[in-house]
Protein backbone atom coordinates (compact mmCIF):
# COMPACT_ATOMS: atom_id res chain seq x y z
CA MET A 1 0.00 0.00 0.00
CA LYS A 2 2.83 2.38 0.88
CA LYS A 3 4.44 1.83 -2.50
CA PHE A 4 1.17 2.58 -4.23
CA LEU A 5 0.16 5.68 -2.31
CA ASN A 6 3.62 7.21 -2.33
CA ILE A 7 2.29 10.70 -1.86
CA LEU A 8 -1.17 11.76 -0.74
CA ILE A 9 -1.59 15.32 -1.94
CA PRO A 10 -4.57 17.51 -0.93
CA SER A 11 -6.43 18.18 -4.15
CA VAL A 12 -9.81 18.49 -5.90
CA LEU A 13 -11.97 15.73 -7.36
CA GLY A 14 -15.07 15.40 -9.54
CA SER A 15 -18.42 13.58 -9.59
CA ALA A 16 -21.24 12.51 -11.88
CA LEU A 17 -24.51 10.65 -12.27
CA THR A 18 -24.86 6.90 -12.73
CA ILE A 19 -25.22 6.05 -16.40
CA GLY A 20 -23.96 3.53 -18.91
CA ALA A 21 -21.83 4.89 -21.75
CA PHE A 22 -20.80 3.76 -25.21
CA MET A 23 -17.73 5.51 -26.64
CA ILE A 24 -17.84 5.59 -30.44
CA PHE A 25 -14.74 6.89 -32.20
CA GLY A 26 -13.79 6.93 -35.89
CA LEU A 27 -11.30 4.22 -36.83
CA ASN A 28 -8.64 4.53 -39.52
CA ASP A 29 -10.06 7.94 -40.48
CA ARG A 30 -13.34 6.38 -41.66
CA PRO A 31 -16.16 8.94 -41.44
CA GLU A 32 -18.69 6.69 -39.71
CA VAL A 33 -18.94 3.98 -37.11
CA VAL A 34 -22.16 2.13 -36.52
CA ILE A 35 -23.74 0.78 -33.36
CA GLY A 36 -26.21 -2.06 -33.32
CA ASN A 37 -26.90 -5.65 -34.11
CA ASN A 38 -27.48 -5.31 -37.88
CA GLU A 39 -30.85 -3.71 -37.26
CA ASN A 40 -31.65 -0.01 -37.03
CA LEU A 41 -28.02 0.93 -37.52
CA VAL A 42 -27.16 4.32 -35.98
CA PRO A 43 -24.45 6.33 -37.77
CA ALA A 44 -22.09 8.37 -35.59
CA HIS A 45 -18.95 10.44 -36.09
CA ARG A 46 -16.52 10.73 -33.15
CA ALA A 47 -19.38 10.85 -30.65
CA VAL A 48 -19.95 9.64 -27.12
CA TYR A 49 -23.33 8.16 -26.24
CA THR A 50 -25.06 7.24 -23.01
CA VAL A 51 -28.11 5.15 -22.25
CA LYS A 52 -30.93 6.78 -20.30
CA GLU A 53 -33.00 4.82 -17.79
CA ASP A 54 -35.69 4.20 -20.39
CA GLY A 55 -33.09 2.69 -22.76
CA GLU A 56 -32.88 5.68 -25.11
CA LEU A 57 -29.44 6.24 -26.65
CA VAL A 58 -28.46 9.92 -26.44
CA PRO A 59 -25.24 11.91 -27.01
CA LEU A 60 -23.24 12.50 -23.82
CA ASP A 61 -22.61 16.24 -23.43
CA PHE A 62 -20.98 17.99 -20.43
CA THR A 63 -21.34 21.57 -21.68
CA GLY A 64 -24.69 22.33 -20.09
CA VAL A 65 -23.75 20.96 -16.67
CA SER A 66 -20.40 22.75 -16.76
CA LYS A 67 -22.07 26.11 -17.42
CA ASP A 68 -24.54 25.52 -14.60
CA VAL A 69 -22.01 24.63 -11.91
CA MET A 70 -18.88 26.67 -12.68
CA SER A 71 -20.27 29.87 -11.17
CA SER A 72 -20.85 28.03 -7.86
CA VAL A 73 -17.18 27.10 -7.43
CA VAL A 74 -14.83 29.76 -6.01
CA HIS A 75 -11.09 30.33 -5.85
CA ILE A 76 -9.67 30.58 -2.31
CA THR A 77 -6.37 32.24 -1.38
CA SER A 78 -5.25 31.80 2.23
CA THR A 79 -2.46 33.80 3.84
CA LYS A 80 -0.58 32.28 6.74
CA GLU A 81 1.94 34.17 8.85
CA VAL A 82 4.98 32.02 9.67
CA SER A 83 8.11 32.77 11.66
CA GLY A 84 11.72 31.80 11.19
CA SER A 85 13.23 29.23 13.55
CA MET A 86 15.08 31.83 15.65
CA PRO A 87 15.52 31.29 19.43
CA TYR A 88 12.85 32.87 21.57
CA SER A 89 13.42 36.53 22.48
CA PHE A 90 11.79 38.04 25.52
CA ASP A 91 9.17 40.66 24.89
CA ARG A 92 7.05 42.24 27.62
CA ARG A 93 4.19 42.58 25.17
CA ASN A 94 4.12 38.83 24.61
CA PRO A 95 1.36 37.18 26.73
CA MET A 96 3.59 34.10 27.12
CA GLU A 97 6.42 36.20 28.62
CA GLU A 98 5.91 35.08 32.21
CA PHE A 99 6.08 31.42 31.29
CA PHE A 100 9.25 31.71 29.27
CA ARG A 101 10.90 33.95 31.87
CA HIS A 102 10.12 31.27 34.47
CA PHE A 103 12.27 28.83 32.50
CA TYR A 104 14.93 30.97 30.85
CA GLY A 105 15.25 33.69 33.47
CA LYS A 106 15.14 37.44 32.91
CA PRO A 107 17.97 39.04 30.87
CA GLU A 108 20.31 41.03 33.07
CA GLY A 109 21.26 44.70 32.65
CA ASN A 110 22.19 45.76 29.14
CA ALA A 111 22.75 42.27 27.85
CA PRO A 112 22.20 42.17 24.09
CA GLN A 113 18.79 40.93 23.06
CA ARG A 114 18.35 38.26 20.46
CA PRO A 115 16.57 39.61 17.39
CA ALA A 116 12.91 38.66 17.18
CA PRO A 117 12.07 35.86 14.72
CA LYS A 118 11.45 37.15 11.24
CA LYS A 119 7.89 36.79 10.06
CA PHE A 120 6.79 36.32 6.50
CA GLU A 121 3.60 35.50 4.66
CA GLN A 122 2.96 32.14 3.10
CA LYS A 123 0.14 31.92 0.56
CA GLY A 124 -1.79 28.88 -0.50
CA THR A 125 -4.64 28.39 -2.95
CA GLY A 126 -7.57 26.04 -3.19
CA SER A 127 -11.21 25.90 -4.13
CA GLY A 128 -14.59 26.16 -2.45
CA VAL A 129 -18.26 25.59 -3.18
CA ILE A 130 -21.08 28.08 -2.59
CA ILE A 131 -23.78 26.27 -0.60
CA SER A 132 -26.18 29.15 0.14
CA ALA A 133 -27.17 32.36 -1.62
CA ASP A 134 -26.27 34.46 1.43
CA GLY A 135 -22.54 33.79 1.27
CA TYR A 136 -21.77 30.45 2.93
CA ILE A 137 -19.00 28.39 1.32
CA VAL A 138 -17.69 24.91 2.07
CA THR A 139 -14.06 23.93 1.50
CA ASN A 140 -11.37 21.69 2.99
CA ASN A 141 -10.04 22.50 6.43
CA HIS A 142 -6.46 22.05 5.19
CA VAL A 143 -7.01 24.85 2.64
CA ILE A 144 -7.57 27.51 5.33
CA ASP A 145 -5.96 25.92 8.41
CA GLN A 146 -4.17 28.56 10.54
CA ALA A 147 -4.75 31.24 7.91
CA SER A 148 -4.59 34.85 9.10
CA GLU A 149 -6.43 36.11 6.03
CA ILE A 150 -8.70 34.42 3.49
CA ASP A 151 -9.70 35.86 0.10
CA VAL A 152 -12.47 34.38 -2.02
CA THR A 153 -12.66 35.11 -5.75
CA LEU A 154 -15.97 34.43 -7.45
CA HIS A 155 -16.38 33.22 -11.02
CA ASN A 156 -17.06 36.84 -12.12
CA ASN A 157 -13.70 37.89 -10.58
CA GLU A 158 -15.24 39.71 -7.60
CA VAL A 159 -13.01 39.32 -4.53
CA TYR A 160 -14.26 39.13 -0.92
CA LYS A 161 -12.67 38.72 2.49
CA ALA A 162 -13.95 35.58 4.20
CA LYS A 163 -14.38 34.66 7.82
CA VAL A 164 -14.21 31.14 9.20
CA VAL A 165 -17.58 30.03 10.55
CA GLY A 166 -16.32 26.68 11.77
CA THR A 167 -14.01 23.77 11.01
CA ASP A 168 -13.94 20.02 11.51
CA PRO A 169 -10.45 18.48 11.25
CA SER A 170 -11.96 14.99 11.67
CA THR A 171 -13.52 15.20 8.20
CA ASP A 172 -11.28 17.96 6.75
CA ILE A 173 -14.24 20.30 6.22
CA ALA A 174 -14.46 24.05 6.85
CA VAL A 175 -17.30 26.53 6.42
CA LEU A 176 -16.57 30.12 5.36
CA GLN A 177 -18.79 33.18 4.92
CA ILE A 178 -18.47 36.21 2.69
CA LYS A 179 -20.59 39.37 2.76
CA SER A 180 -22.65 38.92 -0.38
CA ASN A 181 -26.17 37.90 -1.42
CA ASP A 182 -27.89 36.30 -4.39
CA LEU A 183 -25.00 33.92 -4.97
CA PRO A 184 -25.43 30.80 -7.17
CA ALA A 185 -25.59 28.01 -4.59
CA LEU A 186 -24.93 24.47 -5.76
CA PRO A 187 -27.75 22.02 -4.94
CA LEU A 188 -26.90 18.88 -2.98
CA GLY A 189 -27.31 15.47 -4.58
CA ASP A 190 -28.75 12.30 -3.07
CA PRO A 191 -25.85 10.39 -1.46
CA GLU A 192 -27.65 7.07 -1.78
CA SER A 193 -27.97 7.46 -5.56
CA VAL A 194 -24.22 7.70 -6.21
CA GLU A 195 -23.11 4.57 -8.05
CA VAL A 196 -19.74 3.18 -9.07
CA GLY A 197 -19.32 3.69 -12.82
CA GLU A 198 -21.43 6.83 -13.15
CA TRP A 199 -20.06 9.90 -14.90
CA VAL A 200 -18.90 12.81 -12.74
CA LEU A 201 -17.31 16.23 -13.20
CA ALA A 202 -14.60 17.78 -11.04
CA ILE A 203 -14.57 21.58 -10.88
CA GLY A 204 -11.84 23.64 -9.24
CA ASN A 205 -8.67 25.66 -9.64
CA PRO A 206 -5.69 23.34 -10.22
CA PHE A 207 -2.25 24.94 -10.35
CA ASN A 208 -3.92 28.32 -9.69
CA LEU A 209 -5.87 28.05 -12.96
CA ASP A 210 -9.42 29.32 -12.54
CA ALA A 211 -12.58 27.38 -13.39
CA THR A 212 -11.24 24.06 -14.65
CA VAL A 213 -13.62 21.18 -15.45
CA THR A 214 -12.58 17.55 -15.88
CA ALA A 215 -14.71 14.44 -16.42
CA GLY A 216 -14.45 10.87 -15.21
CA ILE A 217 -16.39 8.20 -13.41
CA VAL A 218 -16.93 7.13 -9.82
CA SER A 219 -14.24 4.47 -9.44
CA ALA A 220 -15.13 3.30 -5.91
CA LYS A 221 -16.95 4.34 -2.74
CA GLY A 222 -16.06 4.16 0.94
CA ARG A 223 -12.30 4.51 0.53
CA ASN A 224 -10.19 4.92 3.68
CA ILE A 225 -6.70 6.17 2.78
CA ASN A 226 -5.55 7.38 6.24
CA ILE A 227 -4.78 10.91 5.12
CA ILE A 228 -6.76 12.90 7.72
CA ASP A 229 -4.48 13.57 10.68
CA ASP A 230 -7.00 13.52 13.51
CA GLN A 231 -7.66 11.03 16.27
CA SER A 232 -11.39 10.99 15.39
CA ALA A 233 -10.89 10.97 11.62
CA ILE A 234 -13.79 9.87 9.44
CA GLU A 235 -12.79 8.70 5.97
CA ALA A 236 -15.25 7.21 3.50
CA PHE A 237 -14.08 8.88 0.29
CA ILE A 238 -15.58 8.67 -3.16
CA GLN A 239 -12.79 7.64 -5.54
CA THR A 240 -12.79 9.06 -9.06
CA ASP A 241 -10.55 9.06 -12.12
CA ALA A 242 -11.55 12.60 -13.15
CA ALA A 243 -8.29 14.51 -13.61
CA ILE A 244 -7.46 16.53 -10.50
CA ASN A 245 -4.31 18.28 -9.31
CA PRO A 246 -2.97 20.36 -6.41
CA GLY A 247 -5.11 23.47 -5.98
CA ASN A 248 -8.37 21.62 -6.53
CA SER A 249 -8.84 20.98 -2.80
CA GLY A 250 -12.29 22.04 -1.64
CA GLY A 251 -13.76 22.02 -5.15
CA ALA A 252 -16.91 20.32 -6.35
CA LEU A 253 -17.57 16.79 -7.48
CA VAL A 254 -20.93 16.88 -9.28
CA ASN A 255 -23.19 14.48 -11.13
CA LEU A 256 -24.66 15.13 -14.55
CA ASN A 257 -27.69 16.75 -12.95
CA GLY A 258 -25.37 19.48 -11.67
CA GLU A 259 -25.74 18.35 -8.05
CA LEU A 260 -22.93 18.28 -5.48
CA ILE A 261 -22.03 14.73 -4.50
CA GLY A 262 -18.60 15.37 -2.96
CA ILE A 263 -15.90 17.84 -1.93
CA ASN A 264 -12.59 17.05 -3.62
CA THR A 265 -9.89 16.47 -1.03
CA ALA A 266 -6.91 14.35 -2.07
CA ILE A 267 -5.08 12.55 -4.84
CA ALA A 268 -2.90 9.46 -4.78
CA SER A 269 0.22 10.11 -6.81
CA PRO A 270 3.92 9.18 -6.89
CA THR A 271 4.73 12.60 -8.41
CA GLY A 272 2.37 15.07 -6.71
CA SER A 273 0.32 15.49 -9.88
CA TYR A 274 -2.63 13.62 -11.38
CA ALA A 275 -2.03 9.88 -11.68
CA GLY A 276 -5.56 8.61 -12.09
CA TYR A 277 -6.76 8.45 -8.49
CA GLY A 278 -8.64 11.19 -6.67
CA PHE A 279 -10.78 11.25 -3.54
CA ALA A 280 -13.76 13.33 -2.44
CA ILE A 281 -15.68 13.62 0.83
CA PRO A 282 -19.21 12.29 0.16
CA VAL A 283 -22.10 14.77 0.33
CA SER A 284 -23.72 12.78 3.17
CA ILE A 285 -20.86 13.73 5.49
CA VAL A 286 -20.54 17.25 4.06
CA ASN A 287 -24.22 17.97 4.66
CA LYS A 288 -24.09 16.67 8.26
CA VAL A 289 -20.92 18.56 9.22
CA VAL A 290 -21.98 21.84 7.59
CA GLY A 291 -25.40 21.62 9.20
CA ASP A 292 -23.89 21.08 12.65
CA ILE A 293 -21.42 23.94 12.29
CA MET A 294 -24.11 26.38 11.17
CA GLN A 295 -26.65 25.26 13.77
CA TYR A 296 -24.51 24.48 16.81
CA GLY A 297 -21.15 26.11 16.09
CA MET A 298 -19.40 22.74 16.28
CA VAL A 299 -19.83 19.21 14.96
CA GLN A 300 -22.11 16.99 17.03
CA ARG A 301 -20.56 13.58 16.55
CA GLY A 302 -22.26 10.40 17.69
CA TYR A 303 -20.21 7.46 18.96
CA LEU A 304 -20.90 3.74 19.32
CA GLY A 305 -18.12 3.42 21.87
CA ILE A 306 -16.32 0.47 20.28
CA LEU A 307 -12.91 -0.33 18.81
CA ILE A 308 -13.24 -1.99 15.41
CA ARG A 309 -11.25 -3.90 12.79
CA ASP A 310 -11.75 -4.78 9.14
CA ILE A 311 -12.35 -8.45 8.46
CA ASN A 312 -9.80 -10.42 6.44
CA GLY A 313 -9.04 -14.08 5.89
CA GLU A 314 -6.68 -14.29 8.86
CA LEU A 315 -9.25 -12.81 11.24
CA VAL A 316 -11.99 -15.11 9.94
CA GLU A 317 -9.77 -18.12 10.63
CA ALA A 318 -8.40 -16.93 13.96
CA GLU A 319 -11.79 -15.98 15.43
CA LYS A 320 -13.74 -18.69 13.57
CA LEU A 321 -16.13 -16.09 12.16
CA LYS A 322 -19.21 -17.17 10.24
CA VAL A 323 -19.17 -14.19 7.86
CA ALA A 324 -16.41 -12.82 5.65
CA GLU A 325 -17.70 -9.24 5.31
CA GLY A 326 -18.45 -6.67 7.99
CA VAL A 327 -16.71 -4.86 10.84
CA TYR A 328 -15.34 -6.81 13.79
CA VAL A 329 -15.98 -5.46 17.31
CA ASP A 330 -12.53 -5.80 18.84
CA SER A 331 -13.43 -4.29 22.23
CA LEU A 332 -15.87 -2.02 24.01
CA MET A 333 -14.88 1.29 25.57
CA GLU A 334 -15.51 2.02 29.24
CA THR A 335 -18.56 4.11 28.35
CA SER A 336 -20.07 2.36 25.34
CA ALA A 337 -23.42 3.13 23.74
CA ALA A 338 -23.15 -0.13 21.79
CA GLY A 339 -22.32 -2.07 24.94
CA ASP A 340 -25.30 -0.57 26.76
CA ALA A 341 -27.53 -1.77 23.91
CA GLY A 342 -26.20 -5.32 24.10
CA LEU A 343 -23.33 -5.60 21.59
CA LYS A 344 -20.37 -7.71 22.69
CA GLU A 345 -16.73 -8.19 21.79
CA GLY A 346 -16.44 -10.53 18.83
CA ASP A 347 -19.67 -9.38 17.16
CA VAL A 348 -19.49 -8.58 13.44
CA ILE A 349 -21.50 -5.52 12.42
CA THR A 350 -23.07 -6.16 9.00
CA SER A 351 -25.46 -3.20 8.59
CA ILE A 352 -26.58 0.08 10.14
CA ASN A 353 -30.07 1.42 9.46
CA GLY A 354 -30.44 -0.99 6.59
CA VAL A 355 -27.20 0.08 4.86
CA ALA A 356 -24.70 -2.75 4.34
CA VAL A 357 -21.46 -2.42 6.31
CA LYS A 358 -18.62 -4.27 4.58
CA LYS A 359 -15.63 -2.34 5.96
CA THR A 360 -14.77 0.26 8.60
CA ALA A 361 -15.24 3.17 6.17
CA ASP A 362 -18.87 2.11 5.67
CA LEU A 363 -19.47 2.11 9.42
CA LEU A 364 -17.74 5.45 9.95
CA GLU A 365 -19.84 7.07 7.23
CA GLN A 366 -23.15 5.74 8.55
CA VAL A 367 -22.42 6.67 12.17
CA GLY A 368 -20.79 9.95 11.12
CA ILE A 369 -24.03 11.32 9.65
CA HIS A 370 -25.79 11.03 13.02
CA ARG A 371 -25.72 13.08 16.22
CA PRO A 372 -25.63 12.12 19.91
CA GLY A 373 -29.09 10.98 20.96
CA ASP A 374 -29.94 9.52 17.54
CA GLU A 375 -31.03 5.88 17.56
CA VAL A 376 -29.54 3.58 14.95
CA LYS A 377 -30.45 -0.03 14.18
CA VAL A 378 -27.33 -2.18 14.20
CA ILE A 379 -27.38 -5.69 12.74
CA VAL A 380 -24.60 -8.02 13.89
CA ASP A 381 -23.55 -11.59 13.28
CA ARG A 382 -22.83 -13.37 16.56
CA SER A 383 -21.42 -16.84 15.95
CA GLY A 384 -23.59 -17.31 12.89
CA ARG A 385 -26.73 -15.86 14.42
CA GLU A 386 -28.10 -12.56 13.10
CA MET A 387 -29.09 -10.16 15.89
CA SER A 388 -30.55 -6.63 15.89
CA PHE A 389 -29.86 -3.86 18.41
CA ASP A 390 -31.22 -0.33 18.77
CA VAL A 391 -28.27 1.83 19.83
CA VAL A 392 -28.64 5.40 21.13
CA LEU A 393 -25.44 7.16 20.08
CA ALA A 394 -23.44 9.04 22.71
CA ASN A 395 -21.16 12.08 22.61
CA ARG A 396 -17.49 11.98 23.57
CA LYS A 397 -18.45 12.44 27.22
CA GLY A 398 -20.54 9.29 27.11
CA THR A 399 -23.92 11.02 27.30
CA SER A 400 -26.57 11.45 24.62
CA GLU A 401 -26.75 15.24 24.96
CA ILE A 402 -26.03 17.83 22.28
CA LEU A 403 -23.06 19.99 23.37
CA ALA A 404 -22.72 23.74 22.96
CA SER A 405 -19.62 25.08 21.21
CA ASN A 406 -18.34 26.58 24.46
CA GLU A 407 -18.45 23.09 26.01
CA MET A 408 -15.65 21.77 23.84
CA GLU A 409 -13.44 19.92 26.27
CA VAL A 410 -10.01 21.32 26.86
CA MET A 411 -8.50 17.88 26.20
CA ASP A 412 -10.10 17.90 22.73
CA GLN A 413 -8.38 21.20 21.98
CA LEU A 414 -4.99 19.61 22.65
CA GLY A 415 -5.47 17.00 19.91
CA ALA A 416 -3.75 14.14 21.72
CA THR A 417 -4.38 10.87 23.49
CA PHE A 418 -3.00 10.42 27.00
CA LYS A 419 -2.24 7.57 29.37
CA ASP A 420 -1.36 7.49 33.05
CA LEU A 421 2.29 6.57 33.63
CA SER A 422 2.61 3.24 35.44
CA ARG A 423 4.35 3.06 38.79
CA SER A 424 7.15 0.89 37.37
CA GLU A 425 7.76 3.37 34.50
CA ALA A 426 7.86 6.27 36.96
CA GLU A 427 10.38 4.47 39.20
CA LYS A 428 12.70 3.80 36.24
CA LEU A 429 12.63 7.50 35.35
CA GLY A 430 13.09 8.61 38.95
CA ILE A 431 9.85 10.61 39.06
CA ASP A 432 6.73 10.36 41.21
CA GLY A 433 4.36 9.98 38.30
CA GLY A 434 3.09 11.62 35.13
CA VAL A 435 0.95 11.41 32.01
CA LYS A 436 2.33 10.07 28.73
CA ILE A 437 1.33 11.50 25.33
CA GLU A 438 0.50 8.40 23.28
CA SER A 439 -0.44 10.07 19.98
CA LEU A 440 -0.84 13.51 18.41
CA SER A 441 -3.28 14.73 15.77
CA SER A 442 -4.64 18.12 14.70
CA GLY A 443 -4.75 20.36 17.74
CA ILE A 444 -2.90 22.84 19.94
CA LEU A 445 0.02 20.59 20.94
CA LYS A 446 0.85 19.83 17.31
CA SER A 447 0.39 23.35 15.97
CA GLN A 448 1.96 25.33 18.84
CA THR A 449 4.68 23.01 20.17
CA GLN A 450 7.27 20.54 18.94
CA LEU A 451 6.26 17.78 21.34
CA LYS A 452 6.38 14.18 20.14
CA PRO A 453 4.50 11.06 21.26
CA GLY A 454 6.25 9.61 24.31
CA PHE A 455 6.59 12.93 26.13
CA ILE A 456 5.73 12.49 29.82
CA ILE A 457 3.96 15.44 31.43
CA THR A 458 5.00 15.85 35.08
CA ALA A 459 3.64 19.32 35.86
CA VAL A 460 1.41 22.02 34.40
CA ASN A 461 1.60 25.64 35.57
CA ASN A 462 3.86 24.50 38.45
CA GLN A 463 1.27 21.98 39.64
CA GLU A 464 2.27 18.31 39.81
CA VAL A 465 0.47 15.97 37.40
CA ASN A 466 0.13 12.24 38.13
CA SER A 467 -2.96 11.28 36.14
CA VAL A 468 -5.01 12.24 33.10
CA GLU A 469 -7.78 13.35 35.46
CA GLU A 470 -5.43 15.75 37.26
CA LEU A 471 -4.15 17.08 33.92
CA GLU A 472 -7.68 17.84 32.75
CA LYS A 473 -8.66 19.59 36.00
CA ILE A 474 -5.60 21.86 35.90
CA LEU A 475 -6.12 22.77 32.25
CA GLU A 476 -9.81 23.53 32.79
CA LYS A 477 -8.79 26.13 35.39
CA SER A 478 -6.09 27.63 33.16
CA ASP A 479 -6.79 30.95 31.51
CA GLY A 480 -4.86 31.57 28.31
CA GLY A 481 -1.19 30.60 28.59
CA VAL A 482 -0.02 27.20 29.82
CA LEU A 483 3.47 26.09 30.88
CA MET A 484 3.98 22.33 30.64
CA GLU A 485 6.90 20.52 32.23
CA GLY A 486 8.01 16.99 31.45
CA VAL A 487 10.60 14.48 30.29
CA TYR A 488 11.31 12.00 27.53
CA LYS A 489 12.29 8.44 28.42
CA ASP A 490 15.67 8.54 26.66
CA TYR A 491 16.49 12.25 26.80
CA PRO A 492 18.33 13.89 29.73
CA GLY A 493 16.87 16.71 31.79
CA LYS A 494 13.52 18.39 32.02
CA ILE A 495 11.77 20.03 29.08
CA TYR A 496 9.43 23.04 29.24
CA VAL A 497 6.91 24.00 26.60
CA ALA A 498 4.40 26.86 26.51
CA PHE A 499 1.20 27.25 24.54
CA GLY A 500 -2.10 29.12 24.62
CA LEU A 501 -5.56 27.63 25.05
CA LYS A 502 -8.54 28.84 23.08
CA GLU A 503 -10.82 31.07 25.07
């Protein structure tokens, strides 16, 4: 797999409606080619035909759809302010001054000051899709992540400043707003009608080229390519062979009815340019995430509370499973909505709400379009016996309540998973205790510090930390800046890092 997906580049994809197609080209410069079975021969000259549902053979033409949808796709330019890797220089105006002074000490007398890090602007481009006439636009989170300024250029070359309404790193979706009305919003397609083999169009701005349209088909559905760097990542991409390239990220994948069926997000390529494989976030997830952001200010994600695995031949043999397709329940979490409903370790989930579940991406998509408190019907195979359970999805706190945006847990902001340090590990390191960072994803620790997995937190804001519970309590009481102290297993001395929490 690693050899195949050498580089996963954020990019734009395309979509289309499910139809059968006959490609009829002239051969050896002959003026006509005929289609048929010796009856009712149909002459054609370098044409492409498709079969409608009623069996009628009609020319396949993308011009009308292209004209309809191009004005709904925008060009996004994001400006990010980055600093050089100069050592920290003390500045009384810096809100983190007290924390750094605590570690480094205050410069004495007229000692020369290190020059402040040089700052420069870094610009990136991508695409976006107008989803409402009053100025709301959906794009990829990676297109605008950490941007200090965002410019949106419409198809008529009008330029607007955009504000970020909300983001969801777990699905790589962001919602922007510009101050404009009567915009050409793109209608949403039916996610259940998307079929492998149907024609699609990808619209975006590859290589900074405005309004580019490419055509292809839906190559596969429910692809998980492990590109989203988030501990709660949801990947169930639509795969397409419509030509896409860097700069297309956030653009539209549409069917031949001119309806949005996906947001183009990534390409698989050994070179960084189009190599035949592109991926788009399905409209089912886009619609859910955008709706949550606009209604609640944050994504309301429902959880089953289980750890899962794809089924393969080895697992079937090892666990003596009676089915070869589905998602294996490896274990239940401490607070598990699925466990409360009756699911057990070793169950194989085969469908959710009547939709077949053949792999983890299928399950993630079906659960990902629901909120805490929603009830889903889960069908499982338990030792050859089909069983049905009604599961009420929970939030990350283990309850079924909808959370307000200001209730986002401080631990979620950090973007990390933590584990209490065992007594034996603490004794080997010569410390009383601590909390180990097991993994890092999108969040404050990754964006504001250079910490790596394995770092052991021993104190926060000069308060000793011996458990994840203590860490959370201290951070919840912190206002703004945080000074974290800790060690690495194989690195001498203590390490101090400072960062700011979101208000």
